Amino acid sequence: MVTYELQPTAENVTGSVTVEVDPQRLQGRLVARGLPPLPEGRVYALWVVLEPEAPFTKDRAGAILTTAFRVDAAGNQEQELRLPPVFASTEWVRAVAITEEDGSRPQEHQGSPLWISG
């Protein structure tokens, strides 16, 4: 198991996010605690940010969308993840990050990271 502890990118960003990854099975678990609930139509997006030379298809920000999710009224969410193949070889993973995106098109990756692994 590989665990990514995501840290807030700004002082006004609250909450914590942990992503546990099983590279052999390409499965994982997202645990979010105390994130600000989002307005209707907005979602959090979990990205894997790749090393520039990684041999995978990525977006213009060098990332792959893993999942989009919402949190409950307390800002919590736990869910199982099916992970992209890049996680089978963690040398290509630069970071794991969360942005806020439009719920109807999270793959457009308009947001900047709110939480990111070190």
PDB file of N, CA and C in Angstrom:
ATOM      1  N   MET A   1       0.832  -1.196   0.000  1.00  0.00           N
ATOM      2  CA  MET A   1       0.000   0.000   0.000  1.00  0.00           C
ATOM      3  C   MET A   1       0.872   1.253   0.000  1.00  0.00           C
ATOM      4  N   VAL A   2       0.482   2.217  -0.787  1.00  0.00           N
ATOM      5  CA  VAL A   2       1.131   3.531  -0.819  1.00  0.00           C
ATOM      6  C   VAL A   2       0.086   4.533  -0.351  1.00  0.00           C
ATOM      7  N   THR A   3       0.465   5.416   0.572  1.00  0.00           N
ATOM      8  CA  THR A   3      -0.473   6.407   1.098  1.00  0.00           C
ATOM      9  C   THR A   3      -0.002   7.800   0.724  1.00  0.00           C
ATOM     10  N   TYR A   4      -0.915   8.579   0.160  1.00  0.00           N
ATOM     11  CA  TYR A   4      -0.661   9.975  -0.180  1.00  0.00           C
ATOM     12  C   TYR A   4      -1.446  10.840   0.799  1.00  0.00           C
ATOM     13  N   GLU A   5      -0.738  11.646   1.578  1.00  0.00           N
ATOM     14  CA  GLU A   5      -1.361  12.609   2.488  1.00  0.00           C
ATOM     15  C   GLU A   5      -1.368  13.948   1.775  1.00  0.00           C
ATOM     16  N   LEU A   6      -2.546  14.457   1.462  1.00  0.00           N
ATOM     17  CA  LEU A   6      -2.644  15.725   0.740  1.00  0.00           C
ATOM     18  C   LEU A   6      -2.703  16.878   1.730  1.00  0.00           C
ATOM     19  N   GLN A   7      -1.980  17.929   1.419  1.00  0.00           N
ATOM     20  CA  GLN A   7      -1.919  19.107   2.288  1.00  0.00           C
ATOM     21  C   GLN A   7      -2.608  20.286   1.602  1.00  0.00           C
ATOM     22  N   PRO A   8      -3.258  21.163   2.383  1.00  0.00           N
ATOM     23  CA  PRO A   8      -3.871  22.359   1.790  1.00  0.00           C
ATOM     24  C   PRO A   8      -2.808  23.228   1.118  1.00  0.00           C
ATOM     25  N   THR A   9      -3.197  23.892   0.035  1.00  0.00           N
ATOM     26  CA  THR A   9      -2.262  24.741  -0.699  1.00  0.00           C
ATOM     27  C   THR A   9      -2.329  26.198  -0.255  1.00  0.00           C
ATOM     28  N   ALA A  10      -3.290  26.545   0.609  1.00  0.00           N
ATOM     29  CA  ALA A  10      -3.420  27.917   1.102  1.00  0.00           C
ATOM     30  C   ALA A  10      -3.940  27.887   2.535  1.00  0.00           C
ATOM     31  N   GLU A  11      -3.667  28.945   3.286  1.00  0.00           N
ATOM     32  CA  GLU A  11      -4.071  28.991   4.690  1.00  0.00           C
ATOM     33  C   GLU A  11      -5.577  28.932   4.875  1.00  0.00           C
ATOM     34  N   ASN A  12      -6.335  29.438   3.905  1.00  0.00           N
ATOM     35  CA  ASN A  12      -7.787  29.453   4.056  1.00  0.00           C
ATOM     36  C   ASN A  12      -8.443  28.151   3.606  1.00  0.00           C
ATOM     37  N   VAL A  13      -7.665  27.173   3.156  1.00  0.00           N
ATOM     38  CA  VAL A  13      -8.188  25.869   2.749  1.00  0.00           C
ATOM     39  C   VAL A  13      -8.147  24.952   3.971  1.00  0.00           C
ATOM     40  N   THR A  14      -9.309  24.386   4.321  1.00  0.00           N
ATOM     41  CA  THR A  14      -9.388  23.529   5.501  1.00  0.00           C
ATOM     42  C   THR A  14      -9.660  22.088   5.095  1.00  0.00           C
ATOM     43  N   GLY A  15      -9.444  21.187   6.033  1.00  0.00           N
ATOM     44  CA  GLY A  15      -9.734  19.784   5.802  1.00  0.00           C
ATOM     45  C   GLY A  15      -8.494  18.988   5.461  1.00  0.00           C
ATOM     46  N   SER A  16      -8.687  17.668   5.443  1.00  0.00           N
ATOM     47  CA  SER A  16      -7.574  16.779   5.128  1.00  0.00           C
ATOM     48  C   SER A  16      -8.058  15.683   4.175  1.00  0.00           C
ATOM     49  N   VAL A  17      -7.128  15.220   3.345  1.00  0.00           N
ATOM     50  CA  VAL A  17      -7.442  14.177   2.376  1.00  0.00           C
ATOM     51  C   VAL A  17      -6.309  13.162   2.380  1.00  0.00           C
ATOM     52  N   THR A  18      -6.677  11.893   2.420  1.00  0.00           N
ATOM     53  CA  THR A  18      -5.729  10.793   2.303  1.00  0.00           C
ATOM     54  C   THR A  18      -6.191   9.892   1.159  1.00  0.00           C
ATOM     55  N   VAL A  19      -5.242   9.473   0.330  1.00  0.00           N
ATOM     56  CA  VAL A  19      -5.531   8.522  -0.739  1.00  0.00           C
ATOM     57  C   VAL A  19      -4.610   7.325  -0.531  1.00  0.00           C
ATOM     58  N   GLU A  20      -5.221   6.161  -0.322  1.00  0.00           N
ATOM     59  CA  GLU A  20      -4.459   4.911  -0.179  1.00  0.00           C
ATOM     60  C   GLU A  20      -4.526   4.180  -1.509  1.00  0.00           C
ATOM     61  N   VAL A  21      -3.360   3.673  -1.948  1.00  0.00           N
ATOM     62  CA  VAL A  21      -3.243   3.055  -3.266  1.00  0.00           C
ATOM     63  C   VAL A  21      -2.660   1.658  -3.122  1.00  0.00           C
ATOM     64  N   ASP A  22      -3.303   0.686  -3.773  1.00  0.00           N
ATOM     65  CA  ASP A  22      -2.753  -0.663  -3.901  1.00  0.00           C
ATOM     66  C   ASP A  22      -2.278  -0.787  -5.355  1.00  0.00           C
ATOM     67  N   PRO A  23      -0.958  -0.597  -5.607  1.00  0.00           N
ATOM     68  CA  PRO A  23      -0.454  -0.591  -6.988  1.00  0.00           C
ATOM     69  C   PRO A  23      -0.655  -1.914  -7.727  1.00  0.00           C
ATOM     70  N   GLN A  24      -0.682  -3.038  -7.013  1.00  0.00           N
ATOM     71  CA  GLN A  24      -0.851  -4.334  -7.667  1.00  0.00           C
ATOM     72  C   GLN A  24      -2.274  -4.502  -8.206  1.00  0.00           C
ATOM     73  N   ARG A  25      -3.254  -4.049  -7.451  1.00  0.00           N
ATOM     74  CA  ARG A  25      -4.657  -4.245  -7.838  1.00  0.00           C
ATOM     75  C   ARG A  25      -5.253  -3.016  -8.526  1.00  0.00           C
ATOM     76  N   LEU A  26      -4.511  -1.889  -8.545  1.00  0.00           N
ATOM     77  CA  LEU A  26      -5.006  -0.627  -9.103  1.00  0.00           C
ATOM     78  C   LEU A  26      -6.336  -0.230  -8.461  1.00  0.00           C
ATOM     79  N   GLN A  27      -6.376  -0.427  -7.151  1.00  0.00           N
ATOM     80  CA  GLN A  27      -7.534  -0.006  -6.382  1.00  0.00           C
ATOM     81  C   GLN A  27      -7.047   0.864  -5.244  1.00  0.00           C
ATOM     82  N   GLY A  28      -7.926   1.706  -4.771  1.00  0.00           N
ATOM     83  CA  GLY A  28      -7.536   2.604  -3.702  1.00  0.00           C
ATOM     84  C   GLY A  28      -8.730   3.053  -2.897  1.00  0.00           C
ATOM     85  N   ARG A  29      -8.456   3.963  -1.976  1.00  0.00           N
ATOM     86  CA  ARG A  29      -9.495   4.496  -1.103  1.00  0.00           C
ATOM     87  C   ARG A  29      -9.210   5.969  -0.870  1.00  0.00           C
ATOM     88  N   LEU A  30     -10.245   6.769  -1.018  1.00  0.00           N
ATOM     89  CA  LEU A  30     -10.197   8.197  -0.757  1.00  0.00           C
ATOM     90  C   LEU A  30     -10.877   8.447   0.589  1.00  0.00           C
ATOM     91  N   VAL A  31     -10.195   9.189   1.460  1.00  0.00           N
ATOM     92  CA  VAL A  31     -10.784   9.586   2.741  1.00  0.00           C
ATOM     93  C   VAL A  31     -10.615  11.093   2.872  1.00  0.00           C
ATOM     94  N   ALA A  32     -11.737  11.810   2.841  1.00  0.00           N
ATOM     95  CA  ALA A  32     -11.734  13.268   2.977  1.00  0.00           C
ATOM     96  C   ALA A  32     -12.442  13.633   4.276  1.00  0.00           C
ATOM     97  N   ARG A  33     -11.849  14.560   5.032  1.00  0.00           N
ATOM     98  CA  ARG A  33     -12.403  14.978   6.316  1.00  0.00           C
ATOM     99  C   ARG A  33     -12.399  16.502   6.409  1.00  0.00           C
ATOM    100  N   GLY A  34     -13.561  17.073   6.691  1.00  0.00           N
ATOM    101  CA  GLY A  34     -13.656  18.498   6.975  1.00  0.00           C
ATOM    102  C   GLY A  34     -13.447  19.424   5.792  1.00  0.00           C
ATOM    103  N   LEU A  35     -13.727  18.944   4.574  1.00  0.00           N
ATOM    104  CA  LEU A  35     -13.616  19.802   3.400  1.00  0.00           C
ATOM    105  C   LEU A  35     -14.838  20.716   3.338  1.00  0.00           C
ATOM    106  N   PRO A  36     -14.687  21.921   2.804  1.00  0.00           N
ATOM    107  CA  PRO A  36     -15.853  22.796   2.665  1.00  0.00           C
ATOM    108  C   PRO A  36     -16.861  22.200   1.669  1.00  0.00           C
ATOM    109  N   PRO A  37     -18.124  22.031   2.069  1.00  0.00           N
ATOM    110  CA  PRO A  37     -19.127  21.570   1.103  1.00  0.00           C
ATOM    111  C   PRO A  37     -19.231  22.566  -0.056  1.00  0.00           C
ATOM    112  N   LEU A  38     -19.460  22.051  -1.254  1.00  0.00           N
ATOM    113  CA  LEU A  38     -19.487  22.883  -2.459  1.00  0.00           C
ATOM    114  C   LEU A  38     -20.917  23.225  -2.855  1.00  0.00           C
ATOM    115  N   PRO A  39     -21.077  24.349  -3.570  1.00  0.00           N
ATOM    116  CA  PRO A  39     -22.412  24.686  -4.067  1.00  0.00           C
ATOM    117  C   PRO A  39     -22.894  23.657  -5.090  1.00  0.00           C
ATOM    118  N   GLU A  40     -24.193  23.641  -5.315  1.00  0.00           N
ATOM    119  CA  GLU A  40     -24.790  22.752  -6.312  1.00  0.00           C
ATOM    120  C   GLU A  40     -24.091  22.949  -7.655  1.00  0.00           C
ATOM    121  N   GLY A  41     -23.829  21.842  -8.346  1.00  0.00           N
ATOM    122  CA  GLY A  41     -23.196  21.929  -9.658  1.00  0.00           C
ATOM    123  C   GLY A  41     -21.675  21.926  -9.633  1.00  0.00           C
ATOM    124  N   ARG A  42     -21.078  21.935  -8.443  1.00  0.00           N
ATOM    125  CA  ARG A  42     -19.610  21.908  -8.308  1.00  0.00           C
ATOM    126  C   ARG A  42     -19.204  20.590  -7.652  1.00  0.00           C
ATOM    127  N   VAL A  43     -18.037  20.087  -8.012  1.00  0.00           N
ATOM    128  CA  VAL A  43     -17.506  18.848  -7.434  1.00  0.00           C
ATOM    129  C   VAL A  43     -16.022  19.018  -7.139  1.00  0.00           C
ATOM    130  N   TYR A  44     -15.523  18.165  -6.269  1.00  0.00           N
ATOM    131  CA  TYR A  44     -14.084  18.029  -6.108  1.00  0.00           C
ATOM    132  C   TYR A  44     -13.609  16.998  -7.119  1.00  0.00           C
ATOM    133  N   ALA A  45     -12.424  17.218  -7.680  1.00  0.00           N
ATOM    134  CA  ALA A  45     -11.836  16.276  -8.634  1.00  0.00           C
ATOM    135  C   ALA A  45     -10.487  15.820  -8.098  1.00  0.00           C
ATOM    136  N   LEU A  46     -10.295  14.511  -8.099  1.00  0.00           N
ATOM    137  CA  LEU A  46      -9.031  13.904  -7.658  1.00  0.00           C
ATOM    138  C   LEU A  46      -8.199  13.595  -8.900  1.00  0.00           C
ATOM    139  N   TRP A  47      -6.986  14.158  -8.922  1.00  0.00           N
ATOM    140  CA  TRP A  47      -6.079  14.022 -10.071  1.00  0.00           C
ATOM    141  C   TRP A  47      -4.804  13.303  -9.653  1.00  0.00           C
ATOM    142  N   VAL A  48      -4.238  12.557 -10.575  1.00  0.00           N
ATOM    143  CA  VAL A  48      -2.862  12.103 -10.424  1.00  0.00           C
ATOM    144  C   VAL A  48      -2.041  12.961 -11.376  1.00  0.00           C
ATOM    145  N   VAL A  49      -1.032  13.627 -10.823  1.00  0.00           N
ATOM    146  CA  VAL A  49      -0.159  14.504 -11.605  1.00  0.00           C
ATOM    147  C   VAL A  49       1.077  13.692 -11.976  1.00  0.00           C
ATOM    148  N   LEU A  50       1.382  13.648 -13.270  1.00  0.00           N
ATOM    149  CA  LEU A  50       2.455  12.775 -13.756  1.00  0.00           C
ATOM    150  C   LEU A  50       3.760  13.522 -13.961  1.00  0.00           C
ATOM    151  N   GLU A  51       4.846  12.767 -13.909  1.00  0.00           N
ATOM    152  CA  GLU A  51       6.142  13.299 -14.303  1.00  0.00           C
ATOM    153  C   GLU A  51       6.050  13.660 -15.788  1.00  0.00           C
ATOM    154  N   PRO A  52       6.753  14.719 -16.215  1.00  0.00           N
ATOM    155  CA  PRO A  52       6.617  15.178 -17.609  1.00  0.00           C
ATOM    156  C   PRO A  52       6.890  14.106 -18.659  1.00  0.00           C
ATOM    157  N   GLU A  53       7.830  13.209 -18.398  1.00  0.00           N
ATOM    158  CA  GLU A  53       8.187  12.197 -19.396  1.00  0.00           C
ATOM    159  C   GLU A  53       7.371  10.902 -19.280  1.00  0.00           C
ATOM    160  N   ALA A  54       6.366  10.889 -18.417  1.00  0.00           N
ATOM    161  CA  ALA A  54       5.555   9.681 -18.223  1.00  0.00           C
ATOM    162  C   ALA A  54       4.864   9.277 -19.528  1.00  0.00           C
ATOM    163  N   PRO A  55       4.917   7.977 -19.861  1.00  0.00           N
ATOM    164  CA  PRO A  55       4.350   7.511 -21.127  1.00  0.00           C
ATOM    165  C   PRO A  55       2.851   7.215 -21.029  1.00  0.00           C
ATOM    166  N   PHE A  56       2.077   8.212 -20.591  1.00  0.00           N
ATOM    167  CA  PHE A  56       0.635   8.063 -20.443  1.00  0.00           C
ATOM    168  C   PHE A  56      -0.046   9.286 -21.037  1.00  0.00           C
ATOM    169  N   THR A  57      -1.296   9.126 -21.461  1.00  0.00           N
ATOM    170  CA  THR A  57      -2.074  10.248 -21.977  1.00  0.00           C
ATOM    171  C   THR A  57      -2.537  11.091 -20.796  1.00  0.00           C
ATOM    172  N   LYS A  58      -2.205  12.368 -20.835  1.00  0.00           N
ATOM    173  CA  LYS A  58      -2.564  13.264 -19.744  1.00  0.00           C
ATOM    174  C   LYS A  58      -3.108  14.561 -20.332  1.00  0.00           C
ATOM    175  N   ASP A  59      -3.718  15.376 -19.470  1.00  0.00           N
ATOM    176  CA  ASP A  59      -4.270  16.641 -19.957  1.00  0.00           C
ATOM    177  C   ASP A  59      -3.184  17.712 -20.025  1.00  0.00           C
ATOM    178  N   ARG A  60      -3.568  18.939 -20.395  1.00  0.00           N
ATOM    179  CA  ARG A  60      -2.594  20.025 -20.570  1.00  0.00           C
ATOM    180  C   ARG A  60      -1.884  20.379 -19.276  1.00  0.00           C
ATOM    181  N   ALA A  61      -2.459  19.995 -18.119  1.00  0.00           N
ATOM    182  CA  ALA A  61      -1.825  20.247 -16.828  1.00  0.00           C
ATOM    183  C   ALA A  61      -0.940  19.065 -16.406  1.00  0.00           C
ATOM    184  N   GLY A  62      -0.832  18.059 -17.263  1.00  0.00           N
ATOM    185  CA  GLY A  62       0.001  16.896 -16.946  1.00  0.00           C
ATOM    186  C   GLY A  62      -0.643  15.948 -15.954  1.00  0.00           C
ATOM    187  N   ALA A  63      -1.994  15.910 -15.951  1.00  0.00           N
ATOM    188  CA  ALA A  63      -2.712  15.122 -14.954  1.00  0.00           C
ATOM    189  C   ALA A  63      -3.739  14.194 -15.609  1.00  0.00           C
ATOM    190  N   ILE A  64      -4.161  13.204 -14.823  1.00  0.00           N
ATOM    191  CA  ILE A  64      -5.227  12.284 -15.222  1.00  0.00           C
ATOM    192  C   ILE A  64      -6.309  12.368 -14.150  1.00  0.00           C
ATOM    193  N   LEU A  65      -7.572  12.561 -14.587  1.00  0.00           N
ATOM    194  CA  LEU A  65      -8.696  12.587 -13.655  1.00  0.00           C
ATOM    195  C   LEU A  65      -8.926  11.179 -13.121  1.00  0.00           C
ATOM    196  N   THR A  66      -8.923  11.044 -11.795  1.00  0.00           N
ATOM    197  CA  THR A  66      -9.166   9.741 -11.172  1.00  0.00           C
ATOM    198  C   THR A  66     -10.629   9.588 -10.801  1.00  0.00           C
ATOM    199  N   THR A  67     -11.203  10.598 -10.156  1.00  0.00           N
ATOM    200  CA  THR A  67     -12.629  10.573  -9.820  1.00  0.00           C
ATOM    201  C   THR A  67     -13.082  11.982  -9.480  1.00  0.00           C
ATOM    202  N   ALA A  68     -14.382  12.193  -9.569  1.00  0.00           N
ATOM    203  CA  ALA A  68     -15.009  13.428  -9.093  1.00  0.00           C
ATOM    204  C   ALA A  68     -15.900  13.018  -7.921  1.00  0.00           C
ATOM    205  N   PHE A  69     -15.978  13.871  -6.900  1.00  0.00           N
ATOM    206  CA  PHE A  69     -16.763  13.500  -5.723  1.00  0.00           C
ATOM    207  C   PHE A  69     -17.315  14.735  -5.034  1.00  0.00           C
ATOM    208  N   ARG A  70     -18.324  14.497  -4.207  1.00  0.00           N
ATOM    209  CA  ARG A  70     -18.906  15.534  -3.354  1.00  0.00           C
ATOM    210  C   ARG A  70     -18.720  15.090  -1.913  1.00  0.00           C
ATOM    211  N   VAL A  71     -18.812  16.028  -0.985  1.00  0.00           N
ATOM    212  CA  VAL A  71     -18.721  15.706   0.439  1.00  0.00           C
ATOM    213  C   VAL A  71     -20.086  15.923   1.081  1.00  0.00           C
ATOM    214  N   ASP A  72     -20.287  15.303   2.240  1.00  0.00           N
ATOM    215  CA  ASP A  72     -21.539  15.494   2.972  1.00  0.00           C
ATOM    216  C   ASP A  72     -21.534  16.851   3.683  1.00  0.00           C
ATOM    217  N   ALA A  73     -22.579  17.130   4.447  1.00  0.00           N
ATOM    218  CA  ALA A  73     -22.721  18.437   5.104  1.00  0.00           C
ATOM    219  C   ALA A  73     -21.577  18.732   6.068  1.00  0.00           C
ATOM    220  N   ALA A  74     -20.947  17.690   6.617  1.00  0.00           N
ATOM    221  CA  ALA A  74     -19.813  17.857   7.527  1.00  0.00           C
ATOM    222  C   ALA A  74     -18.484  17.939   6.775  1.00  0.00           C
ATOM    223  N   GLY A  75     -18.544  17.803   5.446  1.00  0.00           N
ATOM    224  CA  GLY A  75     -17.329  17.888   4.635  1.00  0.00           C
ATOM    225  C   GLY A  75     -16.573  16.586   4.514  1.00  0.00           C
ATOM    226  N   ASN A  76     -17.256  15.458   4.762  1.00  0.00           N
ATOM    227  CA  ASN A  76     -16.588  14.161   4.749  1.00  0.00           C
ATOM    228  C   ASN A  76     -17.020  13.319   3.552  1.00  0.00           C
ATOM    229  N   GLN A  77     -16.097  12.456   3.125  1.00  0.00           N
ATOM    230  CA  GLN A  77     -16.396  11.494   2.065  1.00  0.00           C
ATOM    231  C   GLN A  77     -15.379  10.366   2.154  1.00  0.00           C
ATOM    232  N   GLU A  78     -15.865   9.136   2.020  1.00  0.00           N
ATOM    233  CA  GLU A  78     -14.991   7.968   1.901  1.00  0.00           C
ATOM    234  C   GLU A  78     -15.501   7.166   0.726  1.00  0.00           C
ATOM    235  N   GLN A  79     -14.597   6.778  -0.163  1.00  0.00           N
ATOM    236  CA  GLN A  79     -15.025   5.955  -1.285  1.00  0.00           C
ATOM    237  C   GLN A  79     -13.871   5.125  -1.822  1.00  0.00           C
ATOM    238  N   GLU A  80     -14.255   3.986  -2.392  1.00  0.00           N
ATOM    239  CA  GLU A  80     -13.294   3.116  -3.055  1.00  0.00           C
ATOM    240  C   GLU A  80     -12.987   3.710  -4.424  1.00  0.00           C
ATOM    241  N   LEU A  81     -11.763   3.483  -4.911  1.00  0.00           N
ATOM    242  CA  LEU A  81     -11.329   4.034  -6.191  1.00  0.00           C
ATOM    243  C   LEU A  81     -10.830   2.934  -7.112  1.00  0.00           C
ATOM    244  N   ARG A  82     -11.179   3.037  -8.385  1.00  0.00           N
ATOM    245  CA  ARG A  82     -10.506   2.270  -9.432  1.00  0.00           C
ATOM    246  C   ARG A  82      -9.480   3.221 -10.014  1.00  0.00           C
ATOM    247  N   LEU A  83      -8.234   2.825 -10.007  1.00  0.00           N
ATOM    248  CA  LEU A  83      -7.144   3.740 -10.341  1.00  0.00           C
ATOM    249  C   LEU A  83      -6.641   3.550 -11.766  1.00  0.00           C
ATOM    250  N   PRO A  84      -6.155   4.635 -12.391  1.00  0.00           N
ATOM    251  CA  PRO A  84      -5.561   4.510 -13.727  1.00  0.00           C
ATOM    252  C   PRO A  84      -4.251   3.721 -13.667  1.00  0.00           C
ATOM    253  N   PRO A  85      -3.862   3.098 -14.775  1.00  0.00           N
ATOM    254  CA  PRO A  85      -2.678   2.236 -14.816  1.00  0.00           C
ATOM    255  C   PRO A  85      -1.381   2.895 -14.367  1.00  0.00           C
ATOM    256  N   VAL A  86      -1.294   4.221 -14.408  1.00  0.00           N
ATOM    257  CA  VAL A  86      -0.061   4.890 -13.991  1.00  0.00           C
ATOM    258  C   VAL A  86       0.311   4.518 -12.556  1.00  0.00           C
ATOM    259  N   PHE A  87      -0.664   4.183 -11.716  1.00  0.00           N
ATOM    260  CA  PHE A  87      -0.372   3.841 -10.327  1.00  0.00           C
ATOM    261  C   PHE A  87       0.333   2.496 -10.166  1.00  0.00           C
ATOM    262  N   ALA A  88       0.373   1.685 -11.219  1.00  0.00           N
ATOM    263  CA  ALA A  88       1.084   0.407 -11.139  1.00  0.00           C
ATOM    264  C   ALA A  88       2.587   0.624 -11.036  1.00  0.00           C
ATOM    265  N   SER A  89       3.037   1.790 -11.461  1.00  0.00           N
ATOM    266  CA  SER A  89       4.454   2.114 -11.442  1.00  0.00           C
ATOM    267  C   SER A  89       4.601   3.524 -10.873  1.00  0.00           C
ATOM    268  N   THR A  90       4.710   3.625  -9.560  1.00  0.00           N
ATOM    269  CA  THR A  90       4.616   4.919  -8.889  1.00  0.00           C
ATOM    270  C   THR A  90       5.753   5.889  -9.233  1.00  0.00           C
ATOM    271  N   GLU A  91       6.781   5.440  -9.971  1.00  0.00           N
ATOM    272  CA  GLU A  91       7.844   6.387 -10.349  1.00  0.00           C
ATOM    273  C   GLU A  91       7.321   7.470 -11.284  1.00  0.00           C
ATOM    274  N   TRP A  92       6.188   7.242 -11.959  1.00  0.00           N
ATOM    275  CA  TRP A  92       5.625   8.231 -12.865  1.00  0.00           C
ATOM    276  C   TRP A  92       4.702   9.221 -12.150  1.00  0.00           C
ATOM    277  N   VAL A  93       4.371   8.932 -10.883  1.00  0.00           N
ATOM    278  CA  VAL A  93       3.445   9.788 -10.129  1.00  0.00           C
ATOM    279  C   VAL A  93       4.227  10.908  -9.451  1.00  0.00           C
ATOM    280  N   ARG A  94       3.977  12.136  -9.861  1.00  0.00           N
ATOM    281  CA  ARG A  94       4.614  13.290  -9.235  1.00  0.00           C
ATOM    282  C   ARG A  94       3.854  13.710  -7.983  1.00  0.00           C
ATOM    283  N   ALA A  95       2.517  13.695  -8.056  1.00  0.00           N
ATOM    284  CA  ALA A  95       1.685  14.118  -6.925  1.00  0.00           C
ATOM    285  C   ALA A  95       0.256  13.634  -7.136  1.00  0.00           C
ATOM    286  N   VAL A  96      -0.519  13.726  -6.080  1.00  0.00           N
ATOM    287  CA  VAL A  96      -1.958  13.519  -6.139  1.00  0.00           C
ATOM    288  C   VAL A  96      -2.566  14.835  -5.659  1.00  0.00           C
ATOM    289  N   ALA A  97      -3.579  15.321  -6.378  1.00  0.00           N
ATOM    290  CA  ALA A  97      -4.124  16.649  -6.072  1.00  0.00           C
ATOM    291  C   ALA A  97      -5.637  16.659  -6.183  1.00  0.00           C
ATOM    292  N   ILE A  98      -6.245  17.656  -5.525  1.00  0.00           N
ATOM    293  CA  ILE A  98      -7.693  17.864  -5.606  1.00  0.00           C
ATOM    294  C   ILE A  98      -7.959  19.299  -6.018  1.00  0.00           C
ATOM    295  N   THR A  99      -8.864  19.438  -6.990  1.00  0.00           N
ATOM    296  CA  THR A  99      -9.316  20.753  -7.439  1.00  0.00           C
ATOM    297  C   THR A  99     -10.832  20.819  -7.287  1.00  0.00           C
ATOM    298  N   GLU A 100     -11.375  22.020  -7.429  1.00  0.00           N
ATOM    299  CA  GLU A 100     -12.825  22.195  -7.522  1.00  0.00           C
ATOM    300  C   GLU A 100     -13.155  22.404  -8.986  1.00  0.00           C
ATOM    301  N   GLU A 101     -14.153  21.661  -9.485  1.00  0.00           N
ATOM    302  CA  GLU A 101     -14.494  21.710 -10.907  1.00  0.00           C
ATOM    303  C   GLU A 101     -16.004  21.804 -11.111  1.00  0.00           C
ATOM    304  N   ASP A 102     -16.378  22.131 -12.349  1.00  0.00           N
ATOM    305  CA  ASP A 102     -17.774  22.110 -12.772  1.00  0.00           C
ATOM    306  C   ASP A 102     -18.247  20.656 -12.758  1.00  0.00           C
ATOM    307  N   GLY A 103     -19.347  20.384 -12.064  1.00  0.00           N
ATOM    308  CA  GLY A 103     -19.828  19.011 -11.927  1.00  0.00           C
ATOM    309  C   GLY A 103     -20.210  18.343 -13.230  1.00  0.00           C
ATOM    310  N   SER A 104     -20.569  19.111 -14.258  1.00  0.00           N
ATOM    311  CA  SER A 104     -20.951  18.503 -15.527  1.00  0.00           C
ATOM    312  C   SER A 104     -19.750  18.241 -16.437  1.00  0.00           C
ATOM    313  N   ARG A 105     -18.583  18.850 -16.131  1.00  0.00           N
ATOM    314  CA  ARG A 105     -17.391  18.629 -16.947  1.00  0.00           C
ATOM    315  C   ARG A 105     -16.098  18.718 -16.124  1.00  0.00           C
ATOM    316  N   PRO A 106     -15.970  17.860 -15.114  1.00  0.00           N
ATOM    317  CA  PRO A 106     -14.765  17.941 -14.273  1.00  0.00           C
ATOM    318  C   PRO A 106     -13.475  17.660 -15.041  1.00  0.00           C
ATOM    319  N   GLN A 107     -13.577  16.886 -16.118  1.00  0.00           N
ATOM    320  CA  GLN A 107     -12.387  16.527 -16.906  1.00  0.00           C
ATOM    321  C   GLN A 107     -11.762  17.728 -17.598  1.00  0.00           C
ATOM    322  N   GLU A 108     -12.451  18.876 -17.636  1.00  0.00           N
ATOM    323  CA  GLU A 108     -11.876  20.060 -18.283  1.00  0.00           C
ATOM    324  C   GLU A 108     -10.754  20.684 -17.456  1.00  0.00           C
ATOM    325  N   HIS A 109     -10.672  20.342 -16.178  1.00  0.00           N
ATOM    326  CA  HIS A 109      -9.544  20.718 -15.308  1.00  0.00           C
ATOM    327  C   HIS A 109      -9.289  22.227 -15.340  1.00  0.00           C
ATOM    328  N   GLN A 110     -10.280  22.979 -14.862  1.00  0.00           N
ATOM    329  CA  GLN A 110     -10.159  24.436 -14.810  1.00  0.00           C
ATOM    330  C   GLN A 110      -9.568  24.920 -13.488  1.00  0.00           C
ATOM    331  N   GLY A 111      -9.723  24.144 -12.415  1.00  0.00           N
ATOM    332  CA  GLY A 111      -9.308  24.590 -11.089  1.00  0.00           C
ATOM    333  C   GLY A 111      -7.834  24.374 -10.804  1.00  0.00           C
ATOM    334  N   SER A 112      -7.335  25.127  -9.844  1.00  0.00           N
ATOM    335  CA  SER A 112      -5.968  24.941  -9.341  1.00  0.00           C
ATOM    336  C   SER A 112      -6.026  24.018  -8.131  1.00  0.00           C
ATOM    337  N   PRO A 113      -4.922  23.352  -7.796  1.00  0.00           N
ATOM    338  CA  PRO A 113      -4.946  22.428  -6.656  1.00  0.00           C
ATOM    339  C   PRO A 113      -5.301  23.152  -5.335  1.00  0.00           C
ATOM    340  N   LEU A 114      -6.250  22.546  -4.622  1.00  0.00           N
ATOM    341  CA  LEU A 114      -6.611  23.015  -3.277  1.00  0.00           C
ATOM    342  C   LEU A 114      -5.862  22.194  -2.220  1.00  0.00           C
ATOM    343  N   TRP A 115      -5.673  20.907  -2.507  1.00  0.00           N
ATOM    344  CA  TRP A 115      -4.863  20.011  -1.666  1.00  0.00           C
ATOM    345  C   TRP A 115      -3.937  19.254  -2.618  1.00  0.00           C
ATOM    346  N   ILE A 116      -2.715  18.995  -2.165  1.00  0.00           N
ATOM    347  CA  ILE A 116      -1.763  18.268  -3.009  1.00  0.00           C
ATOM    348  C   ILE A 116      -0.803  17.472  -2.126  1.00  0.00           C
ATOM    349  N   SER A 117      -0.397  16.316  -2.639  1.00  0.00           N
ATOM    350  CA  SER A 117       0.583  15.513  -1.886  1.00  0.00           C
ATOM    351  C   SER A 117       1.962  16.124  -2.023  1.00  0.00           C
ATOM    352  N   GLY A 118       2.826  15.896  -1.022  1.00  0.00           N
ATOM    353  CA  GLY A 118       4.149  16.521  -0.988  1.00  0.00           C
ATOM    354  C   GLY A 118       5.137  15.990  -1.945  1.00  0.00           C
TER     355      GLY A 118
END
